[in-house]
């Protein structure tokens, strides 16, 4: 598998590469948040949370770590996996199935903030790729 640095027409340029590393750091932060939830630093006993929250914590922990590692030296497949993962693991569940993720009114604000942030970060990535920066 070729690194994107070897492909002149579709490789991330300097700023895109830096931004992908920034996204990798964001994903590692997300992994620590999910790990914190699992070990009980989330303010709630993890085993007392709904099953779908526990499953999402585990799945997102694995996704965040794997994609963060691969975004450090990205390939086209990694960028696609990142985008598919964000949409399938967060955007779709938190919009289409949002009723399963809201236990109290503050959760609405949290989910909306998360969705806006992720869509903003993805928009920046698309702009960098399209403008070949």
C-alpha atoms as a PDB file:
ATOM      1  CA  UNK A   1       0.000   0.000   0.000  1.00  0.00           C
ATOM      2  CA  UNK A   2       1.461   3.289  -1.083  1.00  0.00           C
ATOM      3  CA  UNK A   3       1.619   6.210   1.227  1.00  0.00           C
ATOM      4  CA  UNK A   4      -0.110   9.292  -0.054  1.00  0.00           C
ATOM      5  CA  UNK A   5       3.212  11.112  -0.068  1.00  0.00           C
ATOM      6  CA  UNK A   6       4.200   9.118  -3.150  1.00  0.00           C
ATOM      7  CA  UNK A   7       1.144  10.147  -5.143  1.00  0.00           C
ATOM      8  CA  UNK A   8       1.551  13.643  -6.549  1.00  0.00           C
ATOM      9  CA  UNK A   9      -2.005  14.138  -7.794  1.00  0.00           C
ATOM     10  CA  UNK A  10      -3.888  12.949  -4.708  1.00  0.00           C
ATOM     11  CA  UNK A  11      -1.387  13.139  -1.874  1.00  0.00           C
ATOM     12  CA  UNK A  12      -1.999  15.318   1.111  1.00  0.00           C
ATOM     13  CA  UNK A  13       0.117  18.360   0.780  1.00  0.00           C
ATOM     14  CA  UNK A  14       1.924  19.957   3.671  1.00  0.00           C
ATOM     15  CA  UNK A  15      -1.093  21.500   5.469  1.00  0.00           C
ATOM     16  CA  UNK A  16      -3.320  18.505   4.851  1.00  0.00           C
ATOM     17  CA  UNK A  17      -0.694  16.207   6.335  1.00  0.00           C
ATOM     18  CA  UNK A  18      -0.372  18.437   9.406  1.00  0.00           C
ATOM     19  CA  UNK A  19      -4.151  18.564   9.726  1.00  0.00           C
ATOM     20  CA  UNK A  20      -4.409  14.768   9.504  1.00  0.00           C
ATOM     21  CA  UNK A  21      -1.950  14.537  12.379  1.00  0.00           C
ATOM     22  CA  UNK A  22      -4.074  17.024  14.317  1.00  0.00           C
ATOM     23  CA  UNK A  23      -7.088  14.768  13.669  1.00  0.00           C
ATOM     24  CA  UNK A  24      -5.042  11.792  14.888  1.00  0.00           C
ATOM     25  CA  UNK A  25      -4.383  13.642  18.144  1.00  0.00           C
ATOM     26  CA  UNK A  26      -8.110  14.460  18.433  1.00  0.00           C
ATOM     27  CA  UNK A  27      -8.923  10.775  17.952  1.00  0.00           C
ATOM     28  CA  UNK A  28      -6.420   9.796  20.640  1.00  0.00           C
ATOM     29  CA  UNK A  29      -8.118  12.264  22.979  1.00  0.00           C
ATOM     30  CA  UNK A  30     -11.436  10.588  22.100  1.00  0.00           C
ATOM     31  CA  UNK A  31      -9.888   7.199  22.850  1.00  0.00           C
ATOM     32  CA  UNK A  32      -8.830   8.431  26.294  1.00  0.00           C
ATOM     33  CA  UNK A  33     -12.375   9.705  26.914  1.00  0.00           C
ATOM     34  CA  UNK A  34     -13.835   6.295  26.039  1.00  0.00           C
ATOM     35  CA  UNK A  35     -11.193   4.534  28.120  1.00  0.00           C
ATOM     36  CA  UNK A  36     -12.002   6.893  30.991  1.00  0.00           C
ATOM     37  CA  UNK A  37     -15.669   5.999  30.687  1.00  0.00           C
ATOM     38  CA  UNK A  38     -14.828   2.297  30.768  1.00  0.00           C
ATOM     39  CA  UNK A  39     -12.627   2.533  33.872  1.00  0.00           C
ATOM     40  CA  UNK A  40     -15.143   4.739  35.659  1.00  0.00           C
ATOM     41  CA  UNK A  41     -13.770   8.278  35.305  1.00  0.00           C
ATOM     42  CA  UNK A  42     -16.909   9.393  33.454  1.00  0.00           C
ATOM     43  CA  UNK A  43     -18.814  10.120  36.652  1.00  0.00           C
ATOM     44  CA  UNK A  44     -21.088   7.105  36.162  1.00  0.00           C
ATOM     45  CA  UNK A  45     -20.401   3.452  36.892  1.00  0.00           C
ATOM     46  CA  UNK A  46     -19.807   2.062  33.409  1.00  0.00           C
ATOM     47  CA  UNK A  47     -21.593  -1.243  34.023  1.00  0.00           C
ATOM     48  CA  UNK A  48     -24.691   0.702  35.047  1.00  0.00           C
ATOM     49  CA  UNK A  49     -24.881   2.584  31.749  1.00  0.00           C
ATOM     50  CA  UNK A  50     -27.117   1.286  28.944  1.00  0.00           C
ATOM     51  CA  UNK A  51     -25.673  -1.566  26.915  1.00  0.00           C
ATOM     52  CA  UNK A  52     -25.555   0.478  23.696  1.00  0.00           C
ATOM     53  CA  UNK A  53     -23.405   3.113  25.449  1.00  0.00           C
ATOM     54  CA  UNK A  54     -20.963   0.429  26.605  1.00  0.00           C
ATOM     55  CA  UNK A  55     -20.802  -1.098  23.134  1.00  0.00           C
ATOM     56  CA  UNK A  56     -20.204   2.339  21.587  1.00  0.00           C
ATOM     57  CA  UNK A  57     -17.438   3.076  24.115  1.00  0.00           C
ATOM     58  CA  UNK A  58     -15.610  -0.122  23.161  1.00  0.00           C
ATOM     59  CA  UNK A  59     -16.135   0.239  19.406  1.00  0.00           C
ATOM     60  CA  UNK A  60     -15.154   3.920  19.386  1.00  0.00           C
ATOM     61  CA  UNK A  61     -12.111   3.231  21.580  1.00  0.00           C
ATOM     62  CA  UNK A  62     -10.847   0.688  19.037  1.00  0.00           C
ATOM     63  CA  UNK A  63     -11.765   2.884  16.046  1.00  0.00           C
ATOM     64  CA  UNK A  64     -10.110   5.980  17.533  1.00  0.00           C
ATOM     65  CA  UNK A  65      -6.850   4.183  18.287  1.00  0.00           C
ATOM     66  CA  UNK A  66      -6.583   2.372  14.954  1.00  0.00           C
ATOM     67  CA  UNK A  67      -7.452   5.353  12.781  1.00  0.00           C
ATOM     68  CA  UNK A  68      -5.253   7.721  14.838  1.00  0.00           C
ATOM     69  CA  UNK A  69      -2.254   5.455  14.270  1.00  0.00           C
ATOM     70  CA  UNK A  70      -2.931   5.234  10.544  1.00  0.00           C
ATOM     71  CA  UNK A  71      -3.644   8.955  10.097  1.00  0.00           C
ATOM     72  CA  UNK A  72      -0.102   9.714  11.233  1.00  0.00           C
ATOM     73  CA  UNK A  73       1.185   8.344   7.909  1.00  0.00           C
ATOM     74  CA  UNK A  74      -2.034   8.329   5.919  1.00  0.00           C
ATOM     75  CA  UNK A  75      -3.096   6.492   2.832  1.00  0.00           C
ATOM     76  CA  UNK A  76      -6.196   7.112   0.766  1.00  0.00           C
ATOM     77  CA  UNK A  77      -7.787   4.052   2.412  1.00  0.00           C
ATOM     78  CA  UNK A  78      -7.173   5.500   5.875  1.00  0.00           C
ATOM     79  CA  UNK A  79      -8.873   8.775   5.002  1.00  0.00           C
ATOM     80  CA  UNK A  80     -11.856   6.868   3.589  1.00  0.00           C
ATOM     81  CA  UNK A  81     -11.967   4.635   6.692  1.00  0.00           C
ATOM     82  CA  UNK A  82     -11.872   7.741   8.891  1.00  0.00           C
ATOM     83  CA  UNK A  83     -14.779   9.374   7.032  1.00  0.00           C
ATOM     84  CA  UNK A  84     -16.863   6.185   6.870  1.00  0.00           C
ATOM     85  CA  UNK A  85     -16.210   5.535  10.552  1.00  0.00           C
ATOM     86  CA  UNK A  86     -17.155   9.037  11.662  1.00  0.00           C
ATOM     87  CA  UNK A  87     -20.388   8.949   9.686  1.00  0.00           C
ATOM     88  CA  UNK A  88     -21.368   5.367  10.530  1.00  0.00           C
ATOM     89  CA  UNK A  89     -20.289   5.384  14.183  1.00  0.00           C
ATOM     90  CA  UNK A  90     -21.237   8.894  15.220  1.00  0.00           C
ATOM     91  CA  UNK A  91     -23.112  11.082  12.746  1.00  0.00           C
ATOM     92  CA  UNK A  92     -25.763   8.509  11.813  1.00  0.00           C
ATOM     93  CA  UNK A  93     -26.283   7.074  15.313  1.00  0.00           C
ATOM     94  CA  UNK A  94     -26.413  10.525  16.926  1.00  0.00           C
ATOM     95  CA  UNK A  95     -28.924  11.839  14.382  1.00  0.00           C
ATOM     96  CA  UNK A  96     -31.072   8.922  13.232  1.00  0.00           C
ATOM     97  CA  UNK A  97     -31.001   7.044  16.550  1.00  0.00           C
ATOM     98  CA  UNK A  98     -30.470  10.021  18.842  1.00  0.00           C
ATOM     99  CA  UNK A  99     -33.335   9.015  21.181  1.00  0.00           C
ATOM    100  CA  UNK A 100     -31.180   6.098  22.364  1.00  0.00           C
ATOM    101  CA  UNK A 101     -28.363   8.444  23.397  1.00  0.00           C
ATOM    102  CA  UNK A 102     -30.356  11.032  25.332  1.00  0.00           C
ATOM    103  CA  UNK A 103     -30.943  10.291  29.003  1.00  0.00           C
ATOM    104  CA  UNK A 104     -31.295  13.905  30.173  1.00  0.00           C
ATOM    105  CA  UNK A 105     -31.697  17.348  28.552  1.00  0.00           C
ATOM    106  CA  UNK A 106     -27.954  18.110  28.731  1.00  0.00           C
ATOM    107  CA  UNK A 107     -27.285  15.156  26.416  1.00  0.00           C
ATOM    108  CA  UNK A 108     -28.997  17.007  23.533  1.00  0.00           C
ATOM    109  CA  UNK A 109     -26.524  19.862  23.839  1.00  0.00           C
ATOM    110  CA  UNK A 110     -23.596  17.454  24.095  1.00  0.00           C
ATOM    111  CA  UNK A 111     -24.636  15.457  21.006  1.00  0.00           C
ATOM    112  CA  UNK A 112     -25.308  18.601  18.983  1.00  0.00           C
ATOM    113  CA  UNK A 113     -21.923  20.027  19.964  1.00  0.00           C
ATOM    114  CA  UNK A 114     -20.205  16.792  19.034  1.00  0.00           C
ATOM    115  CA  UNK A 115     -21.942  16.621  15.660  1.00  0.00           C
ATOM    116  CA  UNK A 116     -21.207  20.254  14.781  1.00  0.00           C
ATOM    117  CA  UNK A 117     -17.561  19.830  15.785  1.00  0.00           C
ATOM    118  CA  UNK A 118     -17.117  16.672  13.720  1.00  0.00           C
ATOM    119  CA  UNK A 119     -18.815  18.147  10.657  1.00  0.00           C
ATOM    120  CA  UNK A 120     -16.645  21.266  10.998  1.00  0.00           C
ATOM    121  CA  UNK A 121     -13.461  19.159  11.209  1.00  0.00           C
ATOM    122  CA  UNK A 122     -14.515  17.086   8.187  1.00  0.00           C
ATOM    123  CA  UNK A 123     -15.317  20.235   6.212  1.00  0.00           C
ATOM    124  CA  UNK A 124     -11.818  21.559   6.880  1.00  0.00           C
ATOM    125  CA  UNK A 125     -10.377  18.247   5.690  1.00  0.00           C
ATOM    126  CA  UNK A 126     -12.397  18.397   2.460  1.00  0.00           C
ATOM    127  CA  UNK A 127     -11.335  21.992   1.828  1.00  0.00           C
ATOM    128  CA  UNK A 128      -7.667  21.087   2.328  1.00  0.00           C
ATOM    129  CA  UNK A 129      -7.915  18.079   0.019  1.00  0.00           C
ATOM    130  CA  UNK A 130      -9.839  19.947  -2.702  1.00  0.00           C
ATOM    131  CA  UNK A 131      -7.505  22.949  -2.632  1.00  0.00           C
ATOM    132  CA  UNK A 132      -4.461  20.645  -2.452  1.00  0.00           C
ATOM    133  CA  UNK A 133      -2.932  22.494   0.474  1.00  0.00           C
END
